[in-house]
N, C-alpha and C. Protein backbone atom coordinates (compact mmCIF):
# COMPACT_ATOMS: atom_id res chain seq x y z
N UNK A 1 -90.87 -70.60 1.09
CA UNK A 1 -90.42 -71.95 0.80
C UNK A 1 -90.60 -72.27 -0.69
N UNK A 2 -91.80 -72.03 -1.24
CA UNK A 2 -92.03 -72.33 -2.65
C UNK A 2 -91.13 -71.48 -3.54
N UNK A 3 -90.87 -70.25 -3.13
CA UNK A 3 -90.03 -69.37 -3.94
C UNK A 3 -88.64 -69.97 -4.13
N UNK A 4 -88.05 -70.50 -3.07
CA UNK A 4 -86.73 -71.12 -3.17
C UNK A 4 -86.78 -72.37 -4.03
N UNK A 5 -87.80 -73.20 -3.84
CA UNK A 5 -87.95 -74.42 -4.64
C UNK A 5 -88.08 -74.07 -6.12
N UNK A 6 -88.91 -73.08 -6.42
CA UNK A 6 -89.13 -72.67 -7.80
C UNK A 6 -87.85 -72.11 -8.42
N UNK A 7 -87.16 -71.25 -7.70
CA UNK A 7 -85.92 -70.68 -8.23
C UNK A 7 -84.86 -71.76 -8.44
N UNK A 8 -84.71 -72.67 -7.51
CA UNK A 8 -83.76 -73.78 -7.68
C UNK A 8 -84.11 -74.60 -8.92
N UNK A 9 -85.41 -74.85 -9.10
CA UNK A 9 -85.86 -75.60 -10.26
C UNK A 9 -85.52 -74.87 -11.56
N UNK A 10 -85.82 -73.57 -11.61
CA UNK A 10 -85.56 -72.80 -12.83
C UNK A 10 -84.07 -72.75 -13.15
N UNK A 11 -83.25 -72.59 -12.14
CA UNK A 11 -81.80 -72.56 -12.37
C UNK A 11 -81.30 -73.92 -12.85
N UNK A 12 -81.86 -75.00 -12.33
CA UNK A 12 -81.45 -76.33 -12.79
C UNK A 12 -81.93 -76.58 -14.22
N UNK A 13 -83.12 -76.08 -14.56
CA UNK A 13 -83.62 -76.20 -15.93
C UNK A 13 -82.70 -75.45 -16.88
N UNK A 14 -82.29 -74.26 -16.48
CA UNK A 14 -81.40 -73.46 -17.31
C UNK A 14 -80.07 -74.18 -17.53
N UNK A 15 -79.52 -74.77 -16.48
CA UNK A 15 -78.26 -75.50 -16.59
C UNK A 15 -78.42 -76.73 -17.48
N UNK A 16 -79.54 -77.44 -17.34
CA UNK A 16 -79.79 -78.63 -18.15
C UNK A 16 -79.95 -78.27 -19.62
N UNK A 17 -80.64 -77.17 -19.89
CA UNK A 17 -80.85 -76.75 -21.27
C UNK A 17 -79.53 -76.37 -21.93
N UNK A 18 -78.63 -75.78 -21.16
CA UNK A 18 -77.33 -75.38 -21.69
C UNK A 18 -76.49 -76.59 -22.08
N UNK A 19 -76.68 -77.70 -21.39
CA UNK A 19 -75.91 -78.91 -21.68
C UNK A 19 -76.65 -79.85 -22.61
N UNK A 20 -77.85 -79.48 -23.04
CA UNK A 20 -78.63 -80.31 -23.94
C UNK A 20 -79.30 -81.49 -23.27
N UNK A 21 -79.42 -81.47 -21.94
CA UNK A 21 -80.00 -82.58 -21.20
C UNK A 21 -81.43 -82.30 -20.74
N UNK A 22 -82.08 -81.35 -21.33
CA UNK A 22 -83.41 -80.95 -20.88
C UNK A 22 -84.45 -81.99 -21.25
N UNK A 23 -85.14 -82.50 -20.27
CA UNK A 23 -86.20 -83.47 -20.48
C UNK A 23 -87.47 -82.73 -20.89
N UNK A 24 -88.19 -83.23 -21.86
CA UNK A 24 -89.38 -82.53 -22.35
C UNK A 24 -90.50 -82.45 -21.32
N UNK A 25 -90.45 -83.24 -20.27
CA UNK A 25 -91.51 -83.26 -19.27
C UNK A 25 -91.14 -82.49 -18.01
N UNK A 26 -90.11 -81.67 -18.04
CA UNK A 26 -89.63 -81.03 -16.81
C UNK A 26 -90.68 -80.16 -16.14
N UNK A 27 -91.45 -79.39 -16.90
CA UNK A 27 -92.47 -78.53 -16.28
C UNK A 27 -93.63 -79.35 -15.74
N UNK A 28 -94.02 -80.37 -16.46
CA UNK A 28 -95.10 -81.23 -15.99
C UNK A 28 -94.72 -81.94 -14.69
N UNK A 29 -93.50 -82.42 -14.62
CA UNK A 29 -93.03 -83.07 -13.39
C UNK A 29 -93.04 -82.11 -12.21
N UNK A 30 -92.61 -80.87 -12.45
CA UNK A 30 -92.61 -79.87 -11.39
C UNK A 30 -94.04 -79.59 -10.92
N UNK A 31 -94.95 -79.41 -11.88
CA UNK A 31 -96.35 -79.16 -11.52
C UNK A 31 -96.93 -80.31 -10.72
N UNK A 32 -96.65 -81.54 -11.15
CA UNK A 32 -97.18 -82.70 -10.44
C UNK A 32 -96.68 -82.76 -9.01
N UNK A 33 -95.46 -82.37 -8.80
CA UNK A 33 -94.87 -82.48 -7.46
C UNK A 33 -95.26 -81.32 -6.54
N UNK A 34 -95.31 -80.09 -7.07
CA UNK A 34 -95.47 -78.93 -6.20
C UNK A 34 -96.76 -78.13 -6.39
N UNK A 35 -97.37 -78.20 -7.57
CA UNK A 35 -98.45 -77.27 -7.87
C UNK A 35 -99.84 -77.91 -7.80
N UNK A 36 -99.98 -79.10 -8.29
CA UNK A 36 -101.31 -79.75 -8.31
C UNK A 36 -101.81 -80.00 -6.89
N UNK A 37 -103.11 -79.97 -6.73
CA UNK A 37 -103.83 -80.18 -5.46
C UNK A 37 -103.46 -79.20 -4.35
N UNK A 38 -103.40 -77.95 -4.70
CA UNK A 38 -103.16 -76.92 -3.68
C UNK A 38 -104.47 -76.22 -3.37
N UNK A 39 -104.54 -75.57 -2.22
CA UNK A 39 -105.75 -74.84 -1.87
C UNK A 39 -105.57 -73.36 -2.23
N UNK A 40 -106.64 -72.60 -2.05
CA UNK A 40 -106.65 -71.19 -2.46
C UNK A 40 -105.57 -70.38 -1.77
N UNK A 41 -105.45 -70.50 -0.47
CA UNK A 41 -104.49 -69.69 0.28
C UNK A 41 -103.06 -70.00 -0.15
N UNK A 42 -102.75 -71.26 -0.32
CA UNK A 42 -101.42 -71.65 -0.76
C UNK A 42 -101.17 -71.16 -2.18
N UNK A 43 -102.16 -71.31 -3.05
CA UNK A 43 -102.02 -70.89 -4.44
C UNK A 43 -101.77 -69.40 -4.58
N UNK A 44 -102.45 -68.60 -3.79
CA UNK A 44 -102.26 -67.15 -3.85
C UNK A 44 -100.83 -66.78 -3.49
N UNK A 45 -100.30 -67.36 -2.44
CA UNK A 45 -98.91 -67.09 -2.04
C UNK A 45 -97.93 -67.58 -3.10
N UNK A 46 -98.24 -68.71 -3.74
CA UNK A 46 -97.37 -69.24 -4.78
C UNK A 46 -97.34 -68.32 -5.99
N UNK A 47 -98.48 -67.74 -6.35
CA UNK A 47 -98.52 -66.79 -7.46
C UNK A 47 -97.68 -65.56 -7.16
N UNK A 48 -97.72 -65.08 -5.93
CA UNK A 48 -96.89 -63.94 -5.54
C UNK A 48 -95.42 -64.31 -5.69
N UNK A 49 -95.03 -65.50 -5.24
CA UNK A 49 -93.65 -65.96 -5.40
C UNK A 49 -93.25 -66.02 -6.87
N UNK A 50 -94.13 -66.54 -7.71
CA UNK A 50 -93.84 -66.61 -9.15
C UNK A 50 -93.61 -65.21 -9.73
N UNK A 51 -94.44 -64.27 -9.34
CA UNK A 51 -94.30 -62.90 -9.84
C UNK A 51 -93.00 -62.26 -9.37
N UNK A 52 -92.63 -62.50 -8.13
CA UNK A 52 -91.37 -61.94 -7.61
C UNK A 52 -90.18 -62.51 -8.37
N UNK A 53 -90.20 -63.80 -8.65
CA UNK A 53 -89.11 -64.42 -9.41
C UNK A 53 -89.11 -63.88 -10.83
N UNK A 54 -90.28 -63.72 -11.42
CA UNK A 54 -90.38 -63.19 -12.78
C UNK A 54 -89.76 -61.79 -12.86
N UNK A 55 -90.03 -60.95 -11.88
CA UNK A 55 -89.46 -59.60 -11.88
C UNK A 55 -87.94 -59.62 -11.70
N UNK A 56 -87.44 -60.54 -10.89
CA UNK A 56 -86.00 -60.64 -10.65
C UNK A 56 -85.27 -61.32 -11.80
N UNK A 57 -85.93 -62.28 -12.44
CA UNK A 57 -85.31 -63.09 -13.50
C UNK A 57 -86.23 -63.14 -14.72
N UNK A 58 -86.33 -62.04 -15.47
CA UNK A 58 -87.25 -62.02 -16.61
C UNK A 58 -86.90 -63.05 -17.68
N UNK A 59 -85.68 -63.57 -17.67
CA UNK A 59 -85.31 -64.58 -18.67
C UNK A 59 -86.10 -65.88 -18.48
N UNK A 60 -86.75 -66.05 -17.33
CA UNK A 60 -87.53 -67.26 -17.06
C UNK A 60 -89.02 -67.08 -17.38
N UNK A 61 -89.36 -66.08 -18.16
CA UNK A 61 -90.77 -65.82 -18.47
C UNK A 61 -91.46 -67.06 -19.02
N UNK A 62 -90.86 -67.69 -20.02
CA UNK A 62 -91.48 -68.87 -20.63
C UNK A 62 -91.68 -69.99 -19.61
N UNK A 63 -90.67 -70.24 -18.79
CA UNK A 63 -90.75 -71.33 -17.83
C UNK A 63 -91.76 -71.06 -16.72
N UNK A 64 -92.03 -69.79 -16.43
CA UNK A 64 -92.98 -69.44 -15.36
C UNK A 64 -94.43 -69.47 -15.82
N UNK A 65 -94.65 -69.44 -17.12
CA UNK A 65 -96.03 -69.42 -17.62
C UNK A 65 -96.80 -70.65 -17.17
N UNK A 66 -96.21 -71.82 -17.32
CA UNK A 66 -96.94 -73.05 -17.00
C UNK A 66 -97.26 -73.17 -15.51
N UNK A 67 -96.28 -72.99 -14.60
CA UNK A 67 -96.65 -73.06 -13.18
C UNK A 67 -97.72 -72.03 -12.79
N UNK A 68 -97.62 -70.82 -13.32
CA UNK A 68 -98.63 -69.80 -13.00
C UNK A 68 -100.00 -70.23 -13.52
N UNK A 69 -100.04 -70.76 -14.71
CA UNK A 69 -101.31 -71.22 -15.28
C UNK A 69 -101.88 -72.37 -14.46
N UNK A 70 -101.03 -73.29 -14.06
CA UNK A 70 -101.50 -74.43 -13.27
C UNK A 70 -102.02 -73.99 -11.89
N UNK A 71 -101.35 -73.02 -11.30
CA UNK A 71 -101.79 -72.52 -9.99
C UNK A 71 -103.15 -71.83 -10.13
N UNK A 72 -103.33 -71.08 -11.19
CA UNK A 72 -104.53 -70.26 -11.36
C UNK A 72 -105.71 -71.03 -11.95
N UNK A 73 -105.47 -72.10 -12.70
CA UNK A 73 -106.54 -72.84 -13.37
C UNK A 73 -107.43 -73.54 -12.36
N UNK A 74 -108.74 -73.34 -12.46
CA UNK A 74 -109.64 -74.01 -11.52
C UNK A 74 -109.61 -75.53 -11.71
N UNK A 75 -109.33 -76.24 -10.63
CA UNK A 75 -109.37 -77.70 -10.62
C UNK A 75 -109.90 -78.13 -9.27
N UNK A 76 -110.81 -79.03 -9.28
CA UNK A 76 -111.33 -79.62 -8.05
C UNK A 76 -111.75 -78.56 -7.03
N UNK A 77 -112.39 -77.50 -7.49
CA UNK A 77 -112.89 -76.50 -6.58
C UNK A 77 -111.89 -75.42 -6.19
N UNK A 78 -110.70 -75.45 -6.77
CA UNK A 78 -109.74 -74.38 -6.44
C UNK A 78 -110.16 -73.11 -7.16
N UNK A 79 -109.93 -71.98 -6.55
CA UNK A 79 -110.23 -70.66 -7.07
C UNK A 79 -111.65 -70.66 -7.56
């Protein structure tokens, strides 16, 4: 589920950037909606999804750094 959401988000970011409509807070908004306040089990699966997308779409390396960092960063007892 997260893999599809993440890929849809990245493709929409790519389309927005091409048209010059990219909002500077796009990654932060994504993290707030999908990444923050997750538990260990969910976070581990999300990191696997991020890695699979990164291998399939290496052009999204920059965009994947922030969600991966947010998933992995200890907050409120995570990891």
